[in-house]
């Protein structure tokens, strides 16, 4: 998991998901 997270190179250590994943 840590290998994959480092691979993302996201500086803020968060990622977005649209609300439509919950309700569309």
PDBML (XML) file of the C-alpha atoms, coordinates in Angstrom:
<?xml version="1.0" encoding="UTF-8" ?>
<PDBx:datablock datablockName="MODEL"
   xmlns:PDBx="http://pdbml.pdb.org/schema/pdbx-v50.xsd"
   xmlns:xsi="http://www.w3.org/2001/XMLSchema-instance"
   xsi:schemaLocation="http://pdbml.pdb.org/schema/pdbx-v50.xsd pdbx-v50.xsd">
   <PDBx:atom_siteCategory>
      <PDBx:atom_site id="1">
         <PDBx:B_iso_or_equiv>0.00</PDBx:B_iso_or_equiv>
         <PDBx:Cartn_x>0.000</PDBx:Cartn_x>
         <PDBx:Cartn_y>0.000</PDBx:Cartn_y>
         <PDBx:Cartn_z>0.000</PDBx:Cartn_z>
         <PDBx:auth_asym_id>A</PDBx:auth_asym_id>
         <PDBx:auth_atom_id>CA</PDBx:auth_atom_id>
         <PDBx:auth_comp_id>UNK</PDBx:auth_comp_id>
         <PDBx:auth_seq_id>1</PDBx:auth_seq_id>
         <PDBx:group_PDB>ATOM</PDBx:group_PDB>
         <PDBx:label_alt_id xsi:nil="true" />
         <PDBx:label_asym_id>A</PDBx:label_asym_id>
         <PDBx:label_atom_id>CA</PDBx:label_atom_id>
         <PDBx:label_comp_id>UNK</PDBx:label_comp_id>
         <PDBx:label_entity_id>1</PDBx:label_entity_id>
         <PDBx:label_seq_id>1</PDBx:label_seq_id>
         <PDBx:occupancy>1.00</PDBx:occupancy>
         <PDBx:pdbx_PDB_model_num>1</PDBx:pdbx_PDB_model_num>
         <PDBx:type_symbol>C</PDBx:type_symbol>
      </PDBx:atom_site>
      <PDBx:atom_site id="2">
         <PDBx:B_iso_or_equiv>0.00</PDBx:B_iso_or_equiv>
         <PDBx:Cartn_x>2.741</PDBx:Cartn_x>
         <PDBx:Cartn_y>2.446</PDBx:Cartn_y>
         <PDBx:Cartn_z>0.947</PDBx:Cartn_z>
         <PDBx:auth_asym_id>A</PDBx:auth_asym_id>
         <PDBx:auth_atom_id>CA</PDBx:auth_atom_id>
         <PDBx:auth_comp_id>UNK</PDBx:auth_comp_id>
         <PDBx:auth_seq_id>2</PDBx:auth_seq_id>
         <PDBx:group_PDB>ATOM</PDBx:group_PDB>
         <PDBx:label_alt_id xsi:nil="true" />
         <PDBx:label_asym_id>A</PDBx:label_asym_id>
         <PDBx:label_atom_id>CA</PDBx:label_atom_id>
         <PDBx:label_comp_id>UNK</PDBx:label_comp_id>
         <PDBx:label_entity_id>1</PDBx:label_entity_id>
         <PDBx:label_seq_id>2</PDBx:label_seq_id>
         <PDBx:occupancy>1.00</PDBx:occupancy>
         <PDBx:pdbx_PDB_model_num>1</PDBx:pdbx_PDB_model_num>
         <PDBx:type_symbol>C</PDBx:type_symbol>
      </PDBx:atom_site>
      <PDBx:atom_site id="3">
         <PDBx:B_iso_or_equiv>0.00</PDBx:B_iso_or_equiv>
         <PDBx:Cartn_x>4.520</PDBx:Cartn_x>
         <PDBx:Cartn_y>1.809</PDBx:Cartn_y>
         <PDBx:Cartn_z>-2.354</PDBx:Cartn_z>
         <PDBx:auth_asym_id>A</PDBx:auth_asym_id>
         <PDBx:auth_atom_id>CA</PDBx:auth_atom_id>
         <PDBx:auth_comp_id>UNK</PDBx:auth_comp_id>
         <PDBx:auth_seq_id>3</PDBx:auth_seq_id>
         <PDBx:group_PDB>ATOM</PDBx:group_PDB>
         <PDBx:label_alt_id xsi:nil="true" />
         <PDBx:label_asym_id>A</PDBx:label_asym_id>
         <PDBx:label_atom_id>CA</PDBx:label_atom_id>
         <PDBx:label_comp_id>UNK</PDBx:label_comp_id>
         <PDBx:label_entity_id>1</PDBx:label_entity_id>
         <PDBx:label_seq_id>3</PDBx:label_seq_id>
         <PDBx:occupancy>1.00</PDBx:occupancy>
         <PDBx:pdbx_PDB_model_num>1</PDBx:pdbx_PDB_model_num>
         <PDBx:type_symbol>C</PDBx:type_symbol>
      </PDBx:atom_site>
      <PDBx:atom_site id="4">
         <PDBx:B_iso_or_equiv>0.00</PDBx:B_iso_or_equiv>
         <PDBx:Cartn_x>1.329</PDBx:Cartn_x>
         <PDBx:Cartn_y>2.698</PDBx:Cartn_y>
         <PDBx:Cartn_z>-4.241</PDBx:Cartn_z>
         <PDBx:auth_asym_id>A</PDBx:auth_asym_id>
         <PDBx:auth_atom_id>CA</PDBx:auth_atom_id>
         <PDBx:auth_comp_id>UNK</PDBx:auth_comp_id>
         <PDBx:auth_seq_id>4</PDBx:auth_seq_id>
         <PDBx:group_PDB>ATOM</PDBx:group_PDB>
         <PDBx:label_alt_id xsi:nil="true" />
         <PDBx:label_asym_id>A</PDBx:label_asym_id>
         <PDBx:label_atom_id>CA</PDBx:label_atom_id>
         <PDBx:label_comp_id>UNK</PDBx:label_comp_id>
         <PDBx:label_entity_id>1</PDBx:label_entity_id>
         <PDBx:label_seq_id>4</PDBx:label_seq_id>
         <PDBx:occupancy>1.00</PDBx:occupancy>
         <PDBx:pdbx_PDB_model_num>1</PDBx:pdbx_PDB_model_num>
         <PDBx:type_symbol>C</PDBx:type_symbol>
      </PDBx:atom_site>
      <PDBx:atom_site id="5">
         <PDBx:B_iso_or_equiv>0.00</PDBx:B_iso_or_equiv>
         <PDBx:Cartn_x>0.656</PDBx:Cartn_x>
         <PDBx:Cartn_y>5.797</PDBx:Cartn_y>
         <PDBx:Cartn_z>-2.129</PDBx:Cartn_z>
         <PDBx:auth_asym_id>A</PDBx:auth_asym_id>
         <PDBx:auth_atom_id>CA</PDBx:auth_atom_id>
         <PDBx:auth_comp_id>UNK</PDBx:auth_comp_id>
         <PDBx:auth_seq_id>5</PDBx:auth_seq_id>
         <PDBx:group_PDB>ATOM</PDBx:group_PDB>
         <PDBx:label_alt_id xsi:nil="true" />
         <PDBx:label_asym_id>A</PDBx:label_asym_id>
         <PDBx:label_atom_id>CA</PDBx:label_atom_id>
         <PDBx:label_comp_id>UNK</PDBx:label_comp_id>
         <PDBx:label_entity_id>1</PDBx:label_entity_id>
         <PDBx:label_seq_id>5</PDBx:label_seq_id>
         <PDBx:occupancy>1.00</PDBx:occupancy>
         <PDBx:pdbx_PDB_model_num>1</PDBx:pdbx_PDB_model_num>
         <PDBx:type_symbol>C</PDBx:type_symbol>
      </PDBx:atom_site>
      <PDBx:atom_site id="6">
         <PDBx:B_iso_or_equiv>0.00</PDBx:B_iso_or_equiv>
         <PDBx:Cartn_x>4.195</PDBx:Cartn_x>
         <PDBx:Cartn_y>7.096</PDBx:Cartn_y>
         <PDBx:Cartn_z>-2.657</PDBx:Cartn_z>
         <PDBx:auth_asym_id>A</PDBx:auth_asym_id>
         <PDBx:auth_atom_id>CA</PDBx:auth_atom_id>
         <PDBx:auth_comp_id>UNK</PDBx:auth_comp_id>
         <PDBx:auth_seq_id>6</PDBx:auth_seq_id>
         <PDBx:group_PDB>ATOM</PDBx:group_PDB>
         <PDBx:label_alt_id xsi:nil="true" />
         <PDBx:label_asym_id>A</PDBx:label_asym_id>
         <PDBx:label_atom_id>CA</PDBx:label_atom_id>
         <PDBx:label_comp_id>UNK</PDBx:label_comp_id>
         <PDBx:label_entity_id>1</PDBx:label_entity_id>
         <PDBx:label_seq_id>6</PDBx:label_seq_id>
         <PDBx:occupancy>1.00</PDBx:occupancy>
         <PDBx:pdbx_PDB_model_num>1</PDBx:pdbx_PDB_model_num>
         <PDBx:type_symbol>C</PDBx:type_symbol>
      </PDBx:atom_site>
      <PDBx:atom_site id="7">
         <PDBx:B_iso_or_equiv>0.00</PDBx:B_iso_or_equiv>
         <PDBx:Cartn_x>3.807</PDBx:Cartn_x>
         <PDBx:Cartn_y>6.405</PDBx:Cartn_y>
         <PDBx:Cartn_z>-6.369</PDBx:Cartn_z>
         <PDBx:auth_asym_id>A</PDBx:auth_asym_id>
         <PDBx:auth_atom_id>CA</PDBx:auth_atom_id>
         <PDBx:auth_comp_id>UNK</PDBx:auth_comp_id>
         <PDBx:auth_seq_id>7</PDBx:auth_seq_id>
         <PDBx:group_PDB>ATOM</PDBx:group_PDB>
         <PDBx:label_alt_id xsi:nil="true" />
         <PDBx:label_asym_id>A</PDBx:label_asym_id>
         <PDBx:label_atom_id>CA</PDBx:label_atom_id>
         <PDBx:label_comp_id>UNK</PDBx:label_comp_id>
         <PDBx:label_entity_id>1</PDBx:label_entity_id>
         <PDBx:label_seq_id>7</PDBx:label_seq_id>
         <PDBx:occupancy>1.00</PDBx:occupancy>
         <PDBx:pdbx_PDB_model_num>1</PDBx:pdbx_PDB_model_num>
         <PDBx:type_symbol>C</PDBx:type_symbol>
      </PDBx:atom_site>
      <PDBx:atom_site id="8">
         <PDBx:B_iso_or_equiv>0.00</PDBx:B_iso_or_equiv>
         <PDBx:Cartn_x>0.936</PDBx:Cartn_x>
         <PDBx:Cartn_y>8.893</PDBx:Cartn_y>
         <PDBx:Cartn_z>-6.529</PDBx:Cartn_z>
         <PDBx:auth_asym_id>A</PDBx:auth_asym_id>
         <PDBx:auth_atom_id>CA</PDBx:auth_atom_id>
         <PDBx:auth_comp_id>UNK</PDBx:auth_comp_id>
         <PDBx:auth_seq_id>8</PDBx:auth_seq_id>
         <PDBx:group_PDB>ATOM</PDBx:group_PDB>
         <PDBx:label_alt_id xsi:nil="true" />
         <PDBx:label_asym_id>A</PDBx:label_asym_id>
         <PDBx:label_atom_id>CA</PDBx:label_atom_id>
         <PDBx:label_comp_id>UNK</PDBx:label_comp_id>
         <PDBx:label_entity_id>1</PDBx:label_entity_id>
         <PDBx:label_seq_id>8</PDBx:label_seq_id>
         <PDBx:occupancy>1.00</PDBx:occupancy>
         <PDBx:pdbx_PDB_model_num>1</PDBx:pdbx_PDB_model_num>
         <PDBx:type_symbol>C</PDBx:type_symbol>
      </PDBx:atom_site>
      <PDBx:atom_site id="9">
         <PDBx:B_iso_or_equiv>0.00</PDBx:B_iso_or_equiv>
         <PDBx:Cartn_x>3.218</PDBx:Cartn_x>
         <PDBx:Cartn_y>11.807</PDBx:Cartn_y>
         <PDBx:Cartn_z>-5.539</PDBx:Cartn_z>
         <PDBx:auth_asym_id>A</PDBx:auth_asym_id>
         <PDBx:auth_atom_id>CA</PDBx:auth_atom_id>
         <PDBx:auth_comp_id>UNK</PDBx:auth_comp_id>
         <PDBx:auth_seq_id>9</PDBx:auth_seq_id>
         <PDBx:group_PDB>ATOM</PDBx:group_PDB>
         <PDBx:label_alt_id xsi:nil="true" />
         <PDBx:label_asym_id>A</PDBx:label_asym_id>
         <PDBx:label_atom_id>CA</PDBx:label_atom_id>
         <PDBx:label_comp_id>UNK</PDBx:label_comp_id>
         <PDBx:label_entity_id>1</PDBx:label_entity_id>
         <PDBx:label_seq_id>9</PDBx:label_seq_id>
         <PDBx:occupancy>1.00</PDBx:occupancy>
         <PDBx:pdbx_PDB_model_num>1</PDBx:pdbx_PDB_model_num>
         <PDBx:type_symbol>C</PDBx:type_symbol>
      </PDBx:atom_site>
      <PDBx:atom_site id="10">
         <PDBx:B_iso_or_equiv>0.00</PDBx:B_iso_or_equiv>
         <PDBx:Cartn_x>0.245</PDBx:Cartn_x>
         <PDBx:Cartn_y>13.644</PDBx:Cartn_y>
         <PDBx:Cartn_z>-4.028</PDBx:Cartn_z>
         <PDBx:auth_asym_id>A</PDBx:auth_asym_id>
         <PDBx:auth_atom_id>CA</PDBx:auth_atom_id>
         <PDBx:auth_comp_id>UNK</PDBx:auth_comp_id>
         <PDBx:auth_seq_id>10</PDBx:auth_seq_id>
         <PDBx:group_PDB>ATOM</PDBx:group_PDB>
         <PDBx:label_alt_id xsi:nil="true" />
         <PDBx:label_asym_id>A</PDBx:label_asym_id>
         <PDBx:label_atom_id>CA</PDBx:label_atom_id>
         <PDBx:label_comp_id>UNK</PDBx:label_comp_id>
         <PDBx:label_entity_id>1</PDBx:label_entity_id>
         <PDBx:label_seq_id>10</PDBx:label_seq_id>
         <PDBx:occupancy>1.00</PDBx:occupancy>
         <PDBx:pdbx_PDB_model_num>1</PDBx:pdbx_PDB_model_num>
         <PDBx:type_symbol>C</PDBx:type_symbol>
      </PDBx:atom_site>
      <PDBx:atom_site id="11">
         <PDBx:B_iso_or_equiv>0.00</PDBx:B_iso_or_equiv>
         <PDBx:Cartn_x>1.745</PDBx:Cartn_x>
         <PDBx:Cartn_y>16.378</PDBx:Cartn_y>
         <PDBx:Cartn_z>-1.852</PDBx:Cartn_z>
         <PDBx:auth_asym_id>A</PDBx:auth_asym_id>
         <PDBx:auth_atom_id>CA</PDBx:auth_atom_id>
         <PDBx:auth_comp_id>UNK</PDBx:auth_comp_id>
         <PDBx:auth_seq_id>11</PDBx:auth_seq_id>
         <PDBx:group_PDB>ATOM</PDBx:group_PDB>
         <PDBx:label_alt_id xsi:nil="true" />
         <PDBx:label_asym_id>A</PDBx:label_asym_id>
         <PDBx:label_atom_id>CA</PDBx:label_atom_id>
         <PDBx:label_comp_id>UNK</PDBx:label_comp_id>
         <PDBx:label_entity_id>1</PDBx:label_entity_id>
         <PDBx:label_seq_id>11</PDBx:label_seq_id>
         <PDBx:occupancy>1.00</PDBx:occupancy>
         <PDBx:pdbx_PDB_model_num>1</PDBx:pdbx_PDB_model_num>
         <PDBx:type_symbol>C</PDBx:type_symbol>
      </PDBx:atom_site>
      <PDBx:atom_site id="12">
         <PDBx:B_iso_or_equiv>0.00</PDBx:B_iso_or_equiv>
         <PDBx:Cartn_x>-1.234</PDBx:Cartn_x>
         <PDBx:Cartn_y>16.723</PDBx:Cartn_y>
         <PDBx:Cartn_z>0.489</PDBx:Cartn_z>
         <PDBx:auth_asym_id>A</PDBx:auth_asym_id>
         <PDBx:auth_atom_id>CA</PDBx:auth_atom_id>
         <PDBx:auth_comp_id>UNK</PDBx:auth_comp_id>
         <PDBx:auth_seq_id>12</PDBx:auth_seq_id>
         <PDBx:group_PDB>ATOM</PDBx:group_PDB>
         <PDBx:label_alt_id xsi:nil="true" />
         <PDBx:label_asym_id>A</PDBx:label_asym_id>
         <PDBx:label_atom_id>CA</PDBx:label_atom_id>
         <PDBx:label_comp_id>UNK</PDBx:label_comp_id>
         <PDBx:label_entity_id>1</PDBx:label_entity_id>
         <PDBx:label_seq_id>12</PDBx:label_seq_id>
         <PDBx:occupancy>1.00</PDBx:occupancy>
         <PDBx:pdbx_PDB_model_num>1</PDBx:pdbx_PDB_model_num>
         <PDBx:type_symbol>C</PDBx:type_symbol>
      </PDBx:atom_site>
      <PDBx:atom_site id="13">
         <PDBx:B_iso_or_equiv>0.00</PDBx:B_iso_or_equiv>
         <PDBx:Cartn_x>-1.769</PDBx:Cartn_x>
         <PDBx:Cartn_y>12.980</PDBx:Cartn_y>
         <PDBx:Cartn_z>1.044</PDBx:Cartn_z>
         <PDBx:auth_asym_id>A</PDBx:auth_asym_id>
         <PDBx:auth_atom_id>CA</PDBx:auth_atom_id>
         <PDBx:auth_comp_id>UNK</PDBx:auth_comp_id>
         <PDBx:auth_seq_id>13</PDBx:auth_seq_id>
         <PDBx:group_PDB>ATOM</PDBx:group_PDB>
         <PDBx:label_alt_id xsi:nil="true" />
         <PDBx:label_asym_id>A</PDBx:label_asym_id>
         <PDBx:label_atom_id>CA</PDBx:label_atom_id>
         <PDBx:label_comp_id>UNK</PDBx:label_comp_id>
         <PDBx:label_entity_id>1</PDBx:label_entity_id>
         <PDBx:label_seq_id>13</PDBx:label_seq_id>
         <PDBx:occupancy>1.00</PDBx:occupancy>
         <PDBx:pdbx_PDB_model_num>1</PDBx:pdbx_PDB_model_num>
         <PDBx:type_symbol>C</PDBx:type_symbol>
      </PDBx:atom_site>
      <PDBx:atom_site id="14">
         <PDBx:B_iso_or_equiv>0.00</PDBx:B_iso_or_equiv>
         <PDBx:Cartn_x>-5.459</PDBx:Cartn_x>
         <PDBx:Cartn_y>13.166</PDBx:Cartn_y>
         <PDBx:Cartn_z>0.132</PDBx:Cartn_z>
         <PDBx:auth_asym_id>A</PDBx:auth_asym_id>
         <PDBx:auth_atom_id>CA</PDBx:auth_atom_id>
         <PDBx:auth_comp_id>UNK</PDBx:auth_comp_id>
         <PDBx:auth_seq_id>14</PDBx:auth_seq_id>
         <PDBx:group_PDB>ATOM</PDBx:group_PDB>
         <PDBx:label_alt_id xsi:nil="true" />
         <PDBx:label_asym_id>A</PDBx:label_asym_id>
         <PDBx:label_atom_id>CA</PDBx:label_atom_id>
         <PDBx:label_comp_id>UNK</PDBx:label_comp_id>
         <PDBx:label_entity_id>1</PDBx:label_entity_id>
         <PDBx:label_seq_id>14</PDBx:label_seq_id>
         <PDBx:occupancy>1.00</PDBx:occupancy>
         <PDBx:pdbx_PDB_model_num>1</PDBx:pdbx_PDB_model_num>
         <PDBx:type_symbol>C</PDBx:type_symbol>
      </PDBx:atom_site>
      <PDBx:atom_site id="15">
         <PDBx:B_iso_or_equiv>0.00</PDBx:B_iso_or_equiv>
         <PDBx:Cartn_x>-7.392</PDBx:Cartn_x>
         <PDBx:Cartn_y>12.185</PDBx:Cartn_y>
         <PDBx:Cartn_z>-2.987</PDBx:Cartn_z>
         <PDBx:auth_asym_id>A</PDBx:auth_asym_id>
         <PDBx:auth_atom_id>CA</PDBx:auth_atom_id>
         <PDBx:auth_comp_id>UNK</PDBx:auth_comp_id>
         <PDBx:auth_seq_id>15</PDBx:auth_seq_id>
         <PDBx:group_PDB>ATOM</PDBx:group_PDB>
         <PDBx:label_alt_id xsi:nil="true" />
         <PDBx:label_asym_id>A</PDBx:label_asym_id>
         <PDBx:label_atom_id>CA</PDBx:label_atom_id>
         <PDBx:label_comp_id>UNK</PDBx:label_comp_id>
         <PDBx:label_entity_id>1</PDBx:label_entity_id>
         <PDBx:label_seq_id>15</PDBx:label_seq_id>
         <PDBx:occupancy>1.00</PDBx:occupancy>
         <PDBx:pdbx_PDB_model_num>1</PDBx:pdbx_PDB_model_num>
         <PDBx:type_symbol>C</PDBx:type_symbol>
      </PDBx:atom_site>
      <PDBx:atom_site id="16">
         <PDBx:B_iso_or_equiv>0.00</PDBx:B_iso_or_equiv>
         <PDBx:Cartn_x>-10.757</PDBx:Cartn_x>
         <PDBx:Cartn_y>13.311</PDBx:Cartn_y>
         <PDBx:Cartn_z>-4.371</PDBx:Cartn_z>
         <PDBx:auth_asym_id>A</PDBx:auth_asym_id>
         <PDBx:auth_atom_id>CA</PDBx:auth_atom_id>
         <PDBx:auth_comp_id>UNK</PDBx:auth_comp_id>
         <PDBx:auth_seq_id>16</PDBx:auth_seq_id>
         <PDBx:group_PDB>ATOM</PDBx:group_PDB>
         <PDBx:label_alt_id xsi:nil="true" />
         <PDBx:label_asym_id>A</PDBx:label_asym_id>
         <PDBx:label_atom_id>CA</PDBx:label_atom_id>
         <PDBx:label_comp_id>UNK</PDBx:label_comp_id>
         <PDBx:label_entity_id>1</PDBx:label_entity_id>
         <PDBx:label_seq_id>16</PDBx:label_seq_id>
         <PDBx:occupancy>1.00</PDBx:occupancy>
         <PDBx:pdbx_PDB_model_num>1</PDBx:pdbx_PDB_model_num>
         <PDBx:type_symbol>C</PDBx:type_symbol>
      </PDBx:atom_site>
      <PDBx:atom_site id="17">
         <PDBx:B_iso_or_equiv>0.00</PDBx:B_iso_or_equiv>
         <PDBx:Cartn_x>-13.937</PDBx:Cartn_x>
         <PDBx:Cartn_y>11.327</PDBx:Cartn_y>
         <PDBx:Cartn_z>-5.001</PDBx:Cartn_z>
         <PDBx:auth_asym_id>A</PDBx:auth_asym_id>
         <PDBx:auth_atom_id>CA</PDBx:auth_atom_id>
         <PDBx:auth_comp_id>UNK</PDBx:auth_comp_id>
         <PDBx:auth_seq_id>17</PDBx:auth_seq_id>
         <PDBx:group_PDB>ATOM</PDBx:group_PDB>
         <PDBx:label_alt_id xsi:nil="true" />
         <PDBx:label_asym_id>A</PDBx:label_asym_id>
         <PDBx:label_atom_id>CA</PDBx:label_atom_id>
         <PDBx:label_comp_id>UNK</PDBx:label_comp_id>
         <PDBx:label_entity_id>1</PDBx:label_entity_id>
         <PDBx:label_seq_id>17</PDBx:label_seq_id>
         <PDBx:occupancy>1.00</PDBx:occupancy>
         <PDBx:pdbx_PDB_model_num>1</PDBx:pdbx_PDB_model_num>
         <PDBx:type_symbol>C</PDBx:type_symbol>
      </PDBx:atom_site>
      <PDBx:atom_site id="18">
         <PDBx:B_iso_or_equiv>0.00</PDBx:B_iso_or_equiv>
         <PDBx:Cartn_x>-16.989</PDBx:Cartn_x>
         <PDBx:Cartn_y>12.875</PDBx:Cartn_y>
         <PDBx:Cartn_z>-6.603</PDBx:Cartn_z>
         <PDBx:auth_asym_id>A</PDBx:auth_asym_id>
         <PDBx:auth_atom_id>CA</PDBx:auth_atom_id>
         <PDBx:auth_comp_id>UNK</PDBx:auth_comp_id>
         <PDBx:auth_seq_id>18</PDBx:auth_seq_id>
         <PDBx:group_PDB>ATOM</PDBx:group_PDB>
         <PDBx:label_alt_id xsi:nil="true" />
         <PDBx:label_asym_id>A</PDBx:label_asym_id>
         <PDBx:label_atom_id>CA</PDBx:label_atom_id>
         <PDBx:label_comp_id>UNK</PDBx:label_comp_id>
         <PDBx:label_entity_id>1</PDBx:label_entity_id>
         <PDBx:label_seq_id>18</PDBx:label_seq_id>
         <PDBx:occupancy>1.00</PDBx:occupancy>
         <PDBx:pdbx_PDB_model_num>1</PDBx:pdbx_PDB_model_num>
         <PDBx:type_symbol>C</PDBx:type_symbol>
      </PDBx:atom_site>
      <PDBx:atom_site id="19">
         <PDBx:B_iso_or_equiv>0.00</PDBx:B_iso_or_equiv>
         <PDBx:Cartn_x>-20.176</PDBx:Cartn_x>
         <PDBx:Cartn_y>12.795</PDBx:Cartn_y>
         <PDBx:Cartn_z>-4.524</PDBx:Cartn_z>
         <PDBx:auth_asym_id>A</PDBx:auth_asym_id>
         <PDBx:auth_atom_id>CA</PDBx:auth_atom_id>
         <PDBx:auth_comp_id>UNK</PDBx:auth_comp_id>
         <PDBx:auth_seq_id>19</PDBx:auth_seq_id>
         <PDBx:group_PDB>ATOM</PDBx:group_PDB>
         <PDBx:label_alt_id xsi:nil="true" />
         <PDBx:label_asym_id>A</PDBx:label_asym_id>
         <PDBx:label_atom_id>CA</PDBx:label_atom_id>
         <PDBx:label_comp_id>UNK</PDBx:label_comp_id>
         <PDBx:label_entity_id>1</PDBx:label_entity_id>
         <PDBx:label_seq_id>19</PDBx:label_seq_id>
         <PDBx:occupancy>1.00</PDBx:occupancy>
         <PDBx:pdbx_PDB_model_num>1</PDBx:pdbx_PDB_model_num>
         <PDBx:type_symbol>C</PDBx:type_symbol>
      </PDBx:atom_site>
      <PDBx:atom_site id="20">
         <PDBx:B_iso_or_equiv>0.00</PDBx:B_iso_or_equiv>
         <PDBx:Cartn_x>-21.862</PDBx:Cartn_x>
         <PDBx:Cartn_y>10.947</PDBx:Cartn_y>
         <PDBx:Cartn_z>-7.403</PDBx:Cartn_z>
         <PDBx:auth_asym_id>A</PDBx:auth_asym_id>
         <PDBx:auth_atom_id>CA</PDBx:auth_atom_id>
         <PDBx:auth_comp_id>UNK</PDBx:auth_comp_id>
         <PDBx:auth_seq_id>20</PDBx:auth_seq_id>
         <PDBx:group_PDB>ATOM</PDBx:group_PDB>
         <PDBx:label_alt_id xsi:nil="true" />
         <PDBx:label_asym_id>A</PDBx:label_asym_id>
         <PDBx:label_atom_id>CA</PDBx:label_atom_id>
         <PDBx:label_comp_id>UNK</PDBx:label_comp_id>
         <PDBx:label_entity_id>1</PDBx:label_entity_id>
         <PDBx:label_seq_id>20</PDBx:label_seq_id>
         <PDBx:occupancy>1.00</PDBx:occupancy>
         <PDBx:pdbx_PDB_model_num>1</PDBx:pdbx_PDB_model_num>
         <PDBx:type_symbol>C</PDBx:type_symbol>
      </PDBx:atom_site>
      <PDBx:atom_site id="21">
         <PDBx:B_iso_or_equiv>0.00</PDBx:B_iso_or_equiv>
         <PDBx:Cartn_x>-20.010</PDBx:Cartn_x>
         <PDBx:Cartn_y>7.824</PDBx:Cartn_y>
         <PDBx:Cartn_z>-6.274</PDBx:Cartn_z>
         <PDBx:auth_asym_id>A</PDBx:auth_asym_id>
         <PDBx:auth_atom_id>CA</PDBx:auth_atom_id>
         <PDBx:auth_comp_id>UNK</PDBx:auth_comp_id>
         <PDBx:auth_seq_id>21</PDBx:auth_seq_id>
         <PDBx:group_PDB>ATOM</PDBx:group_PDB>
         <PDBx:label_alt_id xsi:nil="true" />
         <PDBx:label_asym_id>A</PDBx:label_asym_id>
         <PDBx:label_atom_id>CA</PDBx:label_atom_id>
         <PDBx:label_comp_id>UNK</PDBx:label_comp_id>
         <PDBx:label_entity_id>1</PDBx:label_entity_id>
         <PDBx:label_seq_id>21</PDBx:label_seq_id>
         <PDBx:occupancy>1.00</PDBx:occupancy>
         <PDBx:pdbx_PDB_model_num>1</PDBx:pdbx_PDB_model_num>
         <PDBx:type_symbol>C</PDBx:type_symbol>
      </PDBx:atom_site>
      <PDBx:atom_site id="22">
         <PDBx:B_iso_or_equiv>0.00</PDBx:B_iso_or_equiv>
         <PDBx:Cartn_x>-22.382</PDBx:Cartn_x>
         <PDBx:Cartn_y>7.863</PDBx:Cartn_y>
         <PDBx:Cartn_z>-3.275</PDBx:Cartn_z>
         <PDBx:auth_asym_id>A</PDBx:auth_asym_id>
         <PDBx:auth_atom_id>CA</PDBx:auth_atom_id>
         <PDBx:auth_comp_id>UNK</PDBx:auth_comp_id>
         <PDBx:auth_seq_id>22</PDBx:auth_seq_id>
         <PDBx:group_PDB>ATOM</PDBx:group_PDB>
         <PDBx:label_alt_id xsi:nil="true" />
         <PDBx:label_asym_id>A</PDBx:label_asym_id>
         <PDBx:label_atom_id>CA</PDBx:label_atom_id>
         <PDBx:label_comp_id>UNK</PDBx:label_comp_id>
         <PDBx:label_entity_id>1</PDBx:label_entity_id>
         <PDBx:label_seq_id>22</PDBx:label_seq_id>
         <PDBx:occupancy>1.00</PDBx:occupancy>
         <PDBx:pdbx_PDB_model_num>1</PDBx:pdbx_PDB_model_num>
         <PDBx:type_symbol>C</PDBx:type_symbol>
      </PDBx:atom_site>
      <PDBx:atom_site id="23">
         <PDBx:B_iso_or_equiv>0.00</PDBx:B_iso_or_equiv>
         <PDBx:Cartn_x>-25.507</PDBx:Cartn_x>
         <PDBx:Cartn_y>9.204</PDBx:Cartn_y>
         <PDBx:Cartn_z>-4.967</PDBx:Cartn_z>
         <PDBx:auth_asym_id>A</PDBx:auth_asym_id>
         <PDBx:auth_atom_id>CA</PDBx:auth_atom_id>
         <PDBx:auth_comp_id>UNK</PDBx:auth_comp_id>
         <PDBx:auth_seq_id>23</PDBx:auth_seq_id>
         <PDBx:group_PDB>ATOM</PDBx:group_PDB>
         <PDBx:label_alt_id xsi:nil="true" />
         <PDBx:label_asym_id>A</PDBx:label_asym_id>
         <PDBx:label_atom_id>CA</PDBx:label_atom_id>
         <PDBx:label_comp_id>UNK</PDBx:label_comp_id>
         <PDBx:label_entity_id>1</PDBx:label_entity_id>
         <PDBx:label_seq_id>23</PDBx:label_seq_id>
         <PDBx:occupancy>1.00</PDBx:occupancy>
         <PDBx:pdbx_PDB_model_num>1</PDBx:pdbx_PDB_model_num>
         <PDBx:type_symbol>C</PDBx:type_symbol>
      </PDBx:atom_site>
      <PDBx:atom_site id="24">
         <PDBx:B_iso_or_equiv>0.00</PDBx:B_iso_or_equiv>
         <PDBx:Cartn_x>-25.846</PDBx:Cartn_x>
         <PDBx:Cartn_y>9.977</PDBx:Cartn_y>
         <PDBx:Cartn_z>-8.654</PDBx:Cartn_z>
         <PDBx:auth_asym_id>A</PDBx:auth_asym_id>
         <PDBx:auth_atom_id>CA</PDBx:auth_atom_id>
         <PDBx:auth_comp_id>UNK</PDBx:auth_comp_id>
         <PDBx:auth_seq_id>24</PDBx:auth_seq_id>
         <PDBx:group_PDB>ATOM</PDBx:group_PDB>
         <PDBx:label_alt_id xsi:nil="true" />
         <PDBx:label_asym_id>A</PDBx:label_asym_id>
         <PDBx:label_atom_id>CA</PDBx:label_atom_id>
         <PDBx:label_comp_id>UNK</PDBx:label_comp_id>
         <PDBx:label_entity_id>1</PDBx:label_entity_id>
         <PDBx:label_seq_id>24</PDBx:label_seq_id>
         <PDBx:occupancy>1.00</PDBx:occupancy>
         <PDBx:pdbx_PDB_model_num>1</PDBx:pdbx_PDB_model_num>
         <PDBx:type_symbol>C</PDBx:type_symbol>
      </PDBx:atom_site>
   </PDBx:atom_siteCategory>
</PDBx:datablock>
